[in-house]
Structure formats: structure tokens, C-alpha cells
PDB file of N, CA and C in Angstrom:
ATOM      1  N   MET A   1       0.809  -0.915  -0.127  1.00  0.00           N
ATOM      2  CA  MET A   1      -0.008  -0.250   0.212  1.00  0.00           C
ATOM      3  C   MET A   1       0.950   1.308  -0.056  1.00  0.00           C
ATOM      4  N   LYS A   2       0.816   2.351  -0.613  1.00  0.00           N
ATOM      5  CA  LYS A   2       0.583   3.476  -0.626  1.00  0.00           C
ATOM      6  C   LYS A   2       0.183   4.762   0.023  1.00  0.00           C
ATOM      7  N   SER A   3       0.177   5.728  -0.033  1.00  0.00           N
ATOM      8  CA  SER A   3      -0.328   7.043   0.164  1.00  0.00           C
ATOM      9  C   SER A   3       0.252   7.865  -0.333  1.00  0.00           C
ATOM     10  N   LYS A   4      -0.423   9.369   0.121  1.00  0.00           N
ATOM     11  CA  LYS A   4      -0.270  10.199  -0.282  1.00  0.00           C
ATOM     12  C   LYS A   4      -0.615  11.169   0.227  1.00  0.00           C
ATOM     13  N   PHE A   5       0.122  12.476   0.531  1.00  0.00           N
ATOM     14  CA  PHE A   5      -0.231  13.545   1.924  1.00  0.00           C
ATOM     15  C   PHE A   5      -1.726  14.242   1.105  1.00  0.00           C
ATOM     16  N   ILE A   6      -2.589  14.388   0.821  1.00  0.00           N
ATOM     17  CA  ILE A   6      -2.900  15.635  -0.183  1.00  0.00           C
ATOM     18  C   ILE A   6      -3.393  16.924   1.384  1.00  0.00           C
ATOM     19  N   THR A   7      -2.452  17.573   0.419  1.00  0.00           N
ATOM     20  CA  THR A   7      -3.118  18.812   1.358  1.00  0.00           C
ATOM     21  C   THR A   7      -3.955  20.055   0.859  1.00  0.00           C
ATOM     22  N   GLU A   8      -3.770  20.922   1.215  1.00  0.00           N
ATOM     23  CA  GLU A   8      -4.499  22.300   1.601  1.00  0.00           C
ATOM     24  C   GLU A   8      -5.399  22.780  -0.030  1.00  0.00           C
ATOM     25  N   HIS A   9      -4.084  22.296  -0.517  1.00  0.00           N
ATOM     26  CA  HIS A   9      -4.241  22.722  -2.335  1.00  0.00           C
ATOM     27  C   HIS A   9      -4.786  21.674  -3.382  1.00  0.00           C
ATOM     28  N   ASP A  10      -4.324  20.668  -2.714  1.00  0.00           N
ATOM     29  CA  ASP A  10      -5.174  19.634  -3.308  1.00  0.00           C
ATOM     30  C   ASP A  10      -6.518  19.392  -3.373  1.00  0.00           C
ATOM     31  N   LEU A  11      -6.384  20.158  -1.365  1.00  0.00           N
ATOM     32  CA  LEU A  11      -8.350  20.103  -0.920  1.00  0.00           C
ATOM     33  C   LEU A  11      -8.955  20.976  -2.065  1.00  0.00           C
ATOM     34  N   ALA A  12      -8.630  21.987  -2.657  1.00  0.00           N
ATOM     35  CA  ALA A  12      -9.391  23.015  -2.946  1.00  0.00           C
ATOM     36  C   ALA A  12      -9.060  23.044  -4.685  1.00  0.00           C
ATOM     37  N   THR A  13      -8.761  22.411  -5.269  1.00  0.00           N
ATOM     38  CA  THR A  13      -8.888  21.773  -6.534  1.00  0.00           C
ATOM     39  C   THR A  13      -9.463  20.209  -6.600  1.00  0.00           C
ATOM     40  N   LEU A  14      -9.456  19.515  -5.531  1.00  0.00           N
ATOM     41  CA  LEU A  14     -10.878  18.230  -5.294  1.00  0.00           C
ATOM     42  C   LEU A  14     -11.836  19.825  -5.509  1.00  0.00           C
ATOM     43  N   ALA A  15     -12.284  20.112  -5.271  1.00  0.00           N
ATOM     44  CA  ALA A  15     -13.347  20.437  -4.608  1.00  0.00           C
ATOM     45  C   ALA A  15     -14.220  21.609  -5.985  1.00  0.00           C
ATOM     46  N   ASN A  16     -13.418  22.756  -6.448  1.00  0.00           N
ATOM     47  CA  ASN A  16     -13.689  22.724  -8.252  1.00  0.00           C
ATOM     48  C   ASN A  16     -13.627  21.845  -8.569  1.00  0.00           C
ATOM     49  N   ILE A  17     -12.621  20.590  -8.589  1.00  0.00           N
ATOM     50  CA  ILE A  17     -13.282  19.745  -9.407  1.00  0.00           C
ATOM     51  C   ILE A  17     -14.844  19.338  -9.946  1.00  0.00           C
ATOM     52  N   CYS A  18     -14.734  19.182  -8.504  1.00  0.00           N
ATOM     53  CA  CYS A  18     -16.368  18.639  -7.860  1.00  0.00           C
ATOM     54  C   CYS A  18     -17.667  19.865  -8.315  1.00  0.00           C
ATOM     55  N   ARG A  19     -17.058  21.024  -7.463  1.00  0.00           N
ATOM     56  CA  ARG A  19     -17.878  21.826  -8.898  1.00  0.00           C
ATOM     57  C   ARG A  19     -18.544  22.174 -10.168  1.00  0.00           C
ATOM     58  N   VAL A  20     -17.199  21.630 -10.494  1.00  0.00           N
ATOM     59  CA  VAL A  20     -16.947  22.022 -12.623  1.00  0.00           C
ATOM     60  C   VAL A  20     -18.564  20.375 -12.708  1.00  0.00           C
ATOM     61  N   ALA A  21     -18.384  19.367 -12.199  1.00  0.00           N
ATOM     62  CA  ALA A  21     -19.005  17.802 -12.005  1.00  0.00           C
ATOM     63  C   ALA A  21     -20.257  18.109 -11.748  1.00  0.00           C
ATOM     64  N   THR A  22     -19.965  19.262 -10.921  1.00  0.00           N
ATOM     65  CA  THR A  22     -21.817  19.743 -10.432  1.00  0.00           C
ATOM     66  C   THR A  22     -22.164  19.978 -11.162  1.00  0.00           C
ATOM     67  N   GLU A  23     -22.228  21.869 -11.890  1.00  0.00           N
ATOM     68  CA  GLU A  23     -22.049  21.943 -13.547  1.00  0.00           C
ATOM     69  C   GLU A  23     -23.130  20.901 -13.870  1.00  0.00           C
ATOM     70  N   ARG A  24     -21.939  20.457 -14.960  1.00  0.00           N
ATOM     71  CA  ARG A  24     -22.146  19.436 -16.060  1.00  0.00           C
ATOM     72  C   ARG A  24     -23.405  18.536 -15.791  1.00  0.00           C
ATOM     73  N   PHE A  25     -23.161  17.699 -14.730  1.00  0.00           N
ATOM     74  CA  PHE A  25     -24.465  17.244 -14.227  1.00  0.00           C
ATOM     75  C   PHE A  25     -25.513  18.333 -14.231  1.00  0.00           C
ATOM     76  N   LYS A  26     -25.517  18.858 -13.823  1.00  0.00           N
ATOM     77  CA  LYS A  26     -27.135  19.875 -13.398  1.00  0.00           C
ATOM     78  C   LYS A  26     -27.548  20.369 -15.122  1.00  0.00           C
ATOM     79  N   ASP A  27     -26.449  20.657 -16.297  1.00  0.00           N
ATOM     80  CA  ASP A  27     -26.628  21.351 -17.174  1.00  0.00           C
ATOM     81  C   ASP A  27     -27.024  19.866 -18.438  1.00  0.00           C
ATOM     82  N   HIS A  28     -26.814  18.755 -17.534  1.00  0.00           N
ATOM     83  CA  HIS A  28     -26.649  17.073 -19.016  1.00  0.00           C
ATOM     84  C   HIS A  28     -28.949  17.147 -17.668  1.00  0.00           C
ATOM     85  N   GLU A  29     -28.844  17.009 -16.456  1.00  0.00           N
ATOM     86  CA  GLU A  29     -29.843  17.159 -16.419  1.00  0.00           C
ATOM     87  C   GLU A  29     -30.642  17.861 -16.716  1.00  0.00           C
ATOM     88  N   ALA A  30     -31.026  18.836 -17.070  1.00  0.00           N
ATOM     89  CA  ALA A  30     -31.953  20.164 -17.566  1.00  0.00           C
ATOM     90  C   ALA A  30     -31.884  19.910 -18.970  1.00  0.00           C
ATOM     91  N   GLU A  31     -31.022  19.338 -19.354  1.00  0.00           N
ATOM     92  CA  GLU A  31     -31.399  18.377 -21.184  1.00  0.00           C
ATOM     93  C   GLU A  31     -31.633  17.567 -21.679  1.00  0.00           C
ATOM     94  N   PHE A  32     -32.118  16.371 -20.521  1.00  0.00           N
ATOM     95  CA  PHE A  32     -32.580  15.869 -20.787  1.00  0.00           C
ATOM     96  C   PHE A  32     -34.238  15.536 -20.166  1.00  0.00           C
ATOM     97  N   ARG A  33     -34.489  16.267 -19.343  1.00  0.00           N
ATOM     98  CA  ARG A  33     -35.360  16.680 -19.134  1.00  0.00           C
ATOM     99  C   ARG A  33     -36.157  17.018 -20.539  1.00  0.00           C
ATOM    100  N   THR A  34     -35.560  19.033 -20.808  1.00  0.00           N
ATOM    101  CA  THR A  34     -35.646  19.050 -22.209  1.00  0.00           C
ATOM    102  C   THR A  34     -36.889  17.496 -22.830  1.00  0.00           C
ATOM    103  N   LEU A  35     -35.820  17.004 -23.406  1.00  0.00           N
ATOM    104  CA  LEU A  35     -35.693  15.671 -23.859  1.00  0.00           C
ATOM    105  C   LEU A  35     -37.690  15.528 -24.696  1.00  0.00           C
ATOM    106  N   ALA A  36     -37.000  14.425 -22.704  1.00  0.00           N
ATOM    107  CA  ALA A  36     -37.895  13.604 -22.453  1.00  0.00           C
ATOM    108  C   ALA A  36     -39.554  14.146 -21.996  1.00  0.00           C
ATOM    109  N   ALA A  37     -39.509  15.629 -21.897  1.00  0.00           N
ATOM    110  CA  ALA A  37     -40.853  16.404 -21.942  1.00  0.00           C
ATOM    111  C   ALA A  37     -41.300  17.474 -23.542  1.00  0.00           C
ATOM    112  N   ALA A  38     -40.152  16.468 -24.517  1.00  0.00           N
ATOM    113  CA  ALA A  38     -40.925  16.526 -26.401  1.00  0.00           C
ATOM    114  C   ALA A  38     -41.351  15.788 -26.714  1.00  0.00           C
ATOM    115  N   PRO A  39     -42.792  16.188 -27.095  1.00  0.00           N
ATOM    116  CA  PRO A  39     -43.590  14.751 -28.184  1.00  0.00           C
ATOM    117  C   PRO A  39     -42.969  14.043 -28.551  1.00  0.00           C
ATOM    118  N   PRO A  40     -43.221  13.357 -29.332  1.00  0.00           N
ATOM    119  CA  PRO A  40     -41.854  11.914 -29.431  1.00  0.00           C
ATOM    120  C   PRO A  40     -42.524  12.773 -31.063  1.00  0.00           C
ATOM    121  N   SER A  41     -41.216  12.044 -32.023  1.00  0.00           N
ATOM    122  CA  SER A  41     -41.448  12.319 -33.788  1.00  0.00           C
ATOM    123  C   SER A  41     -41.408  11.529 -34.425  1.00  0.00           C
ATOM    124  N   PRO A  42     -42.214  10.674 -34.988  1.00  0.00           N
ATOM    125  CA  PRO A  42     -41.903   9.295 -35.277  1.00  0.00           C
ATOM    126  C   PRO A  42     -40.860  10.258 -36.745  1.00  0.00           C
ATOM    127  N   ALA A  43     -40.640  10.828 -36.792  1.00  0.00           N
ATOM    128  CA  ALA A  43     -39.243  11.209 -38.331  1.00  0.00           C
ATOM    129  C   ALA A  43     -38.605  11.695 -38.233  1.00  0.00           C
ATOM    130  N   SER A  44     -38.325  11.201 -36.447  1.00  0.00           N
ATOM    131  CA  SER A  44     -36.735  11.597 -35.965  1.00  0.00           C
ATOM    132  C   SER A  44     -35.610  10.431 -35.819  1.00  0.00           C
ATOM    133  N   LYS A  45     -34.879  10.621 -36.328  1.00  0.00           N
ATOM    134  CA  LYS A  45     -33.229   8.928 -36.447  1.00  0.00           C
ATOM    135  C   LYS A  45     -32.225   9.379 -35.311  1.00  0.00           C
ATOM    136  N   SER A  46     -32.709  10.430 -34.167  1.00  0.00           N
ATOM    137  CA  SER A  46     -32.006  10.391 -33.367  1.00  0.00           C
ATOM    138  C   SER A  46     -31.813   9.947 -32.350  1.00  0.00           C
ATOM    139  N   LEU A  47     -31.106   9.866 -31.275  1.00  0.00           N
ATOM    140  CA  LEU A  47     -30.771   8.444 -30.579  1.00  0.00           C
ATOM    141  C   LEU A  47     -30.459   8.835 -29.943  1.00  0.00           C
ATOM    142  N   LEU A  48     -31.587  10.137 -29.200  1.00  0.00           N
ATOM    143  CA  LEU A  48     -30.948  10.116 -27.961  1.00  0.00           C
ATOM    144  C   LEU A  48     -32.665   9.849 -27.844  1.00  0.00           C
ATOM    145  N   PRO A  49     -32.055   9.534 -26.338  1.00  0.00           N
ATOM    146  CA  PRO A  49     -33.359   9.418 -24.892  1.00  0.00           C
ATOM    147  C   PRO A  49     -34.700  10.336 -25.362  1.00  0.00           C
ATOM    148  N   THR A  50     -35.494   9.762 -25.122  1.00  0.00           N
ATOM    149  CA  THR A  50     -36.983  10.557 -24.856  1.00  0.00           C
ATOM    150  C   THR A  50     -38.084   9.668 -23.918  1.00  0.00           C
ATOM    151  N   GLY A  51     -39.088  10.681 -23.633  1.00  0.00           N
ATOM    152  CA  GLY A  51     -40.060  10.581 -22.732  1.00  0.00           C
ATOM    153  C   GLY A  51     -39.015   9.247 -21.373  1.00  0.00           C
ATOM    154  N   ASP A  52     -39.734   8.259 -21.198  1.00  0.00           N
ATOM    155  CA  ASP A  52     -39.647   8.052 -19.881  1.00  0.00           C
ATOM    156  C   ASP A  52     -38.192   7.962 -19.714  1.00  0.00           C
ATOM    157  N   ALA A  53     -37.166   7.271 -20.767  1.00  0.00           N
ATOM    158  CA  ALA A  53     -36.180   6.221 -20.846  1.00  0.00           C
ATOM    159  C   ALA A  53     -34.918   8.497 -20.790  1.00  0.00           C
ATOM    160  N   ALA A  54     -35.380   9.429 -21.740  1.00  0.00           N
ATOM    161  CA  ALA A  54     -34.459  10.717 -20.509  1.00  0.00           C
ATOM    162  C   ALA A  54     -35.054  10.937 -19.788  1.00  0.00           C
ATOM    163  N   LEU A  55     -35.798  11.054 -19.201  1.00  0.00           N
ATOM    164  CA  LEU A  55     -36.758  11.234 -17.778  1.00  0.00           C
ATOM    165  C   LEU A  55     -35.563  10.091 -16.525  1.00  0.00           C
ATOM    166  N   ARG A  56     -35.537   9.228 -16.891  1.00  0.00           N
ATOM    167  CA  ARG A  56     -34.587   8.382 -15.757  1.00  0.00           C
ATOM    168  C   ARG A  56     -32.502   8.666 -16.239  1.00  0.00           C
ATOM    169  N   LEU A  57     -32.771   9.483 -17.339  1.00  0.00           N
ATOM    170  CA  LEU A  57     -31.226  10.041 -16.685  1.00  0.00           C
ATOM    171  C   LEU A  57     -31.436  10.834 -16.284  1.00  0.00           C
ATOM    172  N   ALA A  58     -32.281  12.026 -16.648  1.00  0.00           N
ATOM    173  CA  ALA A  58     -31.959  13.077 -16.302  1.00  0.00           C
ATOM    174  C   ALA A  58     -32.568  13.057 -14.921  1.00  0.00           C
ATOM    175  N   ASP A  59     -33.084  12.064 -14.173  1.00  0.00           N
ATOM    176  CA  ASP A  59     -33.050  11.416 -12.397  1.00  0.00           C
ATOM    177  C   ASP A  59     -31.006  11.368 -12.387  1.00  0.00           C
ATOM    178  N   GLN A  60     -31.092  10.358 -12.744  1.00  0.00           N
ATOM    179  CA  GLN A  60     -29.733  10.178 -12.008  1.00  0.00           C
ATOM    180  C   GLN A  60     -28.739  11.412 -12.984  1.00  0.00           C
ATOM    181  N   PHE A  61     -28.946  12.482 -13.440  1.00  0.00           N
ATOM    182  CA  PHE A  61     -27.987  13.452 -14.203  1.00  0.00           C
ATOM    183  C   PHE A  61     -27.908  14.644 -12.208  1.00  0.00           C
ATOM    184  N   ALA A  62     -29.539  14.186 -11.588  1.00  0.00           N
ATOM    185  CA  ALA A  62     -29.375  14.861 -11.055  1.00  0.00           C
ATOM    186  C   ALA A  62     -29.912  13.991  -9.316  1.00  0.00           C
ATOM    187  N   LEU A  63     -29.152  13.013  -9.681  1.00  0.00           N
ATOM    188  CA  LEU A  63     -28.559  12.084  -8.150  1.00  0.00           C
ATOM    189  C   LEU A  63     -26.573  13.023  -7.699  1.00  0.00           C
ATOM    190  N   GLN A  64     -25.632  12.315  -9.675  1.00  0.00           N
ATOM    191  CA  GLN A  64     -24.901  12.860  -9.414  1.00  0.00           C
ATOM    192  C   GLN A  64     -24.566  14.473  -8.872  1.00  0.00           C
ATOM    193  N   ALA A  65     -25.277  15.541  -9.384  1.00  0.00           N
ATOM    194  CA  ALA A  65     -24.822  16.377  -9.369  1.00  0.00           C
ATOM    195  C   ALA A  65     -25.553  17.322  -7.745  1.00  0.00           C
ATOM    196  N   SER A  66     -25.888  16.289  -7.098  1.00  0.00           N
ATOM    197  CA  SER A  66     -26.190  16.776  -5.520  1.00  0.00           C
ATOM    198  C   SER A  66     -25.136  15.838  -4.611  1.00  0.00           C
ATOM    199  N   GLU A  67     -24.809  14.638  -5.348  1.00  0.00           N
ATOM    200  CA  GLU A  67     -23.664  13.872  -4.963  1.00  0.00           C
ATOM    201  C   GLU A  67     -22.659  14.561  -4.884  1.00  0.00           C
ATOM    202  N   ALA A  68     -21.860  15.313  -5.866  1.00  0.00           N
ATOM    203  CA  ALA A  68     -20.562  15.805  -6.382  1.00  0.00           C
ATOM    204  C   ALA A  68     -21.222  16.650  -5.838  1.00  0.00           C
ATOM    205  N   TYR A  69     -21.882  17.397  -5.595  1.00  0.00           N
ATOM    206  CA  TYR A  69     -22.215  18.765  -4.898  1.00  0.00           C
ATOM    207  C   TYR A  69     -21.690  18.708  -2.809  1.00  0.00           C
ATOM    208  N   ALA A  70     -21.545  17.503  -2.651  1.00  0.00           N
ATOM    209  CA  ALA A  70     -22.132  17.225  -1.062  1.00  0.00           C
ATOM    210  C   ALA A  70     -20.524  17.139  -1.214  1.00  0.00           C
ATOM    211  N   PHE A  71     -19.619  16.194  -2.022  1.00  0.00           N
ATOM    212  CA  PHE A  71     -18.373  16.199  -1.914  1.00  0.00           C
ATOM    213  C   PHE A  71     -17.485  17.671  -1.925  1.00  0.00           C
ATOM    214  N   VAL A  72     -18.345  18.648  -2.658  1.00  0.00           N
ATOM    215  CA  VAL A  72     -17.989  20.094  -3.042  1.00  0.00           C
ATOM    216  C   VAL A  72     -17.261  20.759  -1.511  1.00  0.00           C
ATOM    217  N   SER A  73     -19.078  20.750  -0.891  1.00  0.00           N
ATOM    218  CA  SER A  73     -18.581  21.220   0.518  1.00  0.00           C
ATOM    219  C   SER A  73     -17.509  19.722   1.849  1.00  0.00           C
ATOM    220  N   LEU A  74     -17.794  19.039   1.653  1.00  0.00           N
ATOM    221  CA  LEU A  74     -16.806  17.916   2.352  1.00  0.00           C
ATOM    222  C   LEU A  74     -14.613  18.360   1.883  1.00  0.00           C
ATOM    223  N   PHE A  75     -14.561  18.810   0.778  1.00  0.00           N
ATOM    224  CA  PHE A  75     -13.293  19.530   0.555  1.00  0.00           C
ATOM    225  C   PHE A  75     -12.991  20.814   0.492  1.00  0.00           C
ATOM    226  N   GLU A  76     -14.002  21.790   0.577  1.00  0.00           N
ATOM    227  CA  GLU A  76     -13.570  22.108   0.768  1.00  0.00           C
ATOM    228  C   GLU A  76     -13.210  23.329   2.924  1.00  0.00           C
ATOM    229  N   GLY A  77     -14.515  21.784   3.563  1.00  0.00           N
ATOM    230  CA  GLY A  77     -14.217  22.459   4.920  1.00  0.00           C
ATOM    231  C   GLY A  77     -13.718  21.210   5.471  1.00  0.00           C
ATOM    232  N   GLY A  78     -12.141  20.829   4.843  1.00  0.00           N
ATOM    233  CA  GLY A  78     -11.539  19.423   5.115  1.00  0.00           C
ATOM    234  C   GLY A  78     -10.370  19.815   4.878  1.00  0.00           C
ATOM    235  N   GLU A  79      -9.705  19.004   6.166  1.00  0.00           N
ATOM    236  CA  GLU A  79      -8.342  19.206   6.331  1.00  0.00           C
ATOM    237  C   GLU A  79      -7.489  17.991   5.861  1.00  0.00           C
ATOM    238  N   PRO A  80      -6.151  18.944   5.539  1.00  0.00           N
ATOM    239  CA  PRO A  80      -5.163  18.153   4.835  1.00  0.00           C
ATOM    240  C   PRO A  80      -5.300  16.078   5.548  1.00  0.00           C
ATOM    241  N   PHE A  81      -4.997  15.499   4.522  1.00  0.00           N
ATOM    242  CA  PHE A  81      -4.795  14.482   5.322  1.00  0.00           C
ATOM    243  C   PHE A  81      -4.032  13.329   4.273  1.00  0.00           C
ATOM    244  N   THR A  82      -3.885  12.286   4.986  1.00  0.00           N
ATOM    245  CA  THR A  82      -2.755  11.355   3.858  1.00  0.00           C
ATOM    246  C   THR A  82      -4.028   9.819   3.834  1.00  0.00           C
ATOM    247  N   MET A  83      -4.417   9.563   2.489  1.00  0.00           N
ATOM    248  CA  MET A  83      -4.607   8.657   1.907  1.00  0.00           C
ATOM    249  C   MET A  83      -3.408   7.064   1.222  1.00  0.00           C
ATOM    250  N   ARG A  84      -3.807   6.445   1.779  1.00  0.00           N
ATOM    251  CA  ARG A  84      -3.654   5.042   1.386  1.00  0.00           C
ATOM    252  C   ARG A  84      -4.304   4.279   0.674  1.00  0.00           C
ATOM    253  N   HIS A  85      -3.196   3.923  -0.939  1.00  0.00           N
ATOM    254  CA  HIS A  85      -4.091   3.305  -2.297  1.00  0.00           C
ATOM    255  C   HIS A  85      -2.770   2.574  -2.838  1.00  0.00           C
ATOM    256  N   ALA A  86      -3.884   1.806  -3.376  1.00  0.00           N
ATOM    257  CA  ALA A  86      -2.671   0.736  -4.605  1.00  0.00           C
ATOM    258  C   ALA A  86      -2.176   1.480  -5.940  1.00  0.00           C
ATOM    259  N   GLY A  87      -2.429   2.673  -5.945  1.00  0.00           N
ATOM    260  CA  GLY A  87      -2.234   3.171  -7.368  1.00  0.00           C
ATOM    261  C   GLY A  87      -0.326   3.350  -7.228  1.00  0.00           C
ATOM    262  N   ALA A  88      -0.285   3.034  -8.967  1.00  0.00           N
ATOM    263  CA  ALA A  88       1.329   3.867  -9.145  1.00  0.00           C
ATOM    264  C   ALA A  88       2.504   4.932  -8.878  1.00  0.00           C
ATOM    265  N   ASP A  89       1.306   5.414  -8.831  1.00  0.00           N
ATOM    266  CA  ASP A  89       2.602   7.506  -8.945  1.00  0.00           C
ATOM    267  C   ASP A  89       1.605   8.080  -7.632  1.00  0.00           C
ATOM    268  N   ALA A  90       2.288   7.282  -6.856  1.00  0.00           N
ATOM    269  CA  ALA A  90       2.104   7.311  -5.445  1.00  0.00           C
ATOM    270  C   ALA A  90       3.139   7.938  -4.409  1.00  0.00           C
ATOM    271  N   GLU A  91       3.970   8.751  -3.334  1.00  0.00           N
ATOM    272  CA  GLU A  91       4.469   9.145  -2.537  1.00  0.00           C
ATOM    273  C   GLU A  91       5.382   7.088  -2.368  1.00  0.00           C
ATOM    274  N   ALA A  92       6.206   6.568  -1.875  1.00  0.00           N
ATOM    275  CA  ALA A  92       6.434   5.671  -1.317  1.00  0.00           C
ATOM    276  C   ALA A  92       6.709   6.196   0.114  1.00  0.00           C
TER     277      ALA A  92
END
């Protein structure tokens, strides 16, 4: 097992990554809700889901946005720590 010390800078980076992910997930949620609300078009050859399938994806993106935002709060309020892992690019 290897370890990596997570600094305040690392925590800020992780918070920013999660903040961007939250925004992306919310954008995807909005797009799929739009697709879910659109009337079906038999002439359409789109590969994008519509109806219930789009609604399920919108719900999944909403959940992911919520979870990502929870990590923003966690990382912003966090203290530096050491994390043990099996990764190849860690400090020994």
C-alpha cells in the first residue's frame, strides 16, 4: 500500500473539480428533462432518448449533481490528510 498526503491545495483542486462536475451534471439534467418533455417524433432518427428513458437519465444526473456538490462542501471544509491507496504514482 502506498500513501499520498492531500494538501490544502489538493483539497481546493478537488472542490473545484466537483464544482465543475456539479454544473455539468445539472446541464445534462436540464437537457434530458427537455428531451423527456418533447413530444415524440416518428420521423426523428435521433439516438437521444426521449420520454421515460430521458426522464430516468435526468433523474440520474440530478442525483450525481447532488452527490458531487456534497463533495464540494466536504473538500472545502476539509483538513489535509494522508490517504492510503494502491496507485502507481504515489509517494512511497
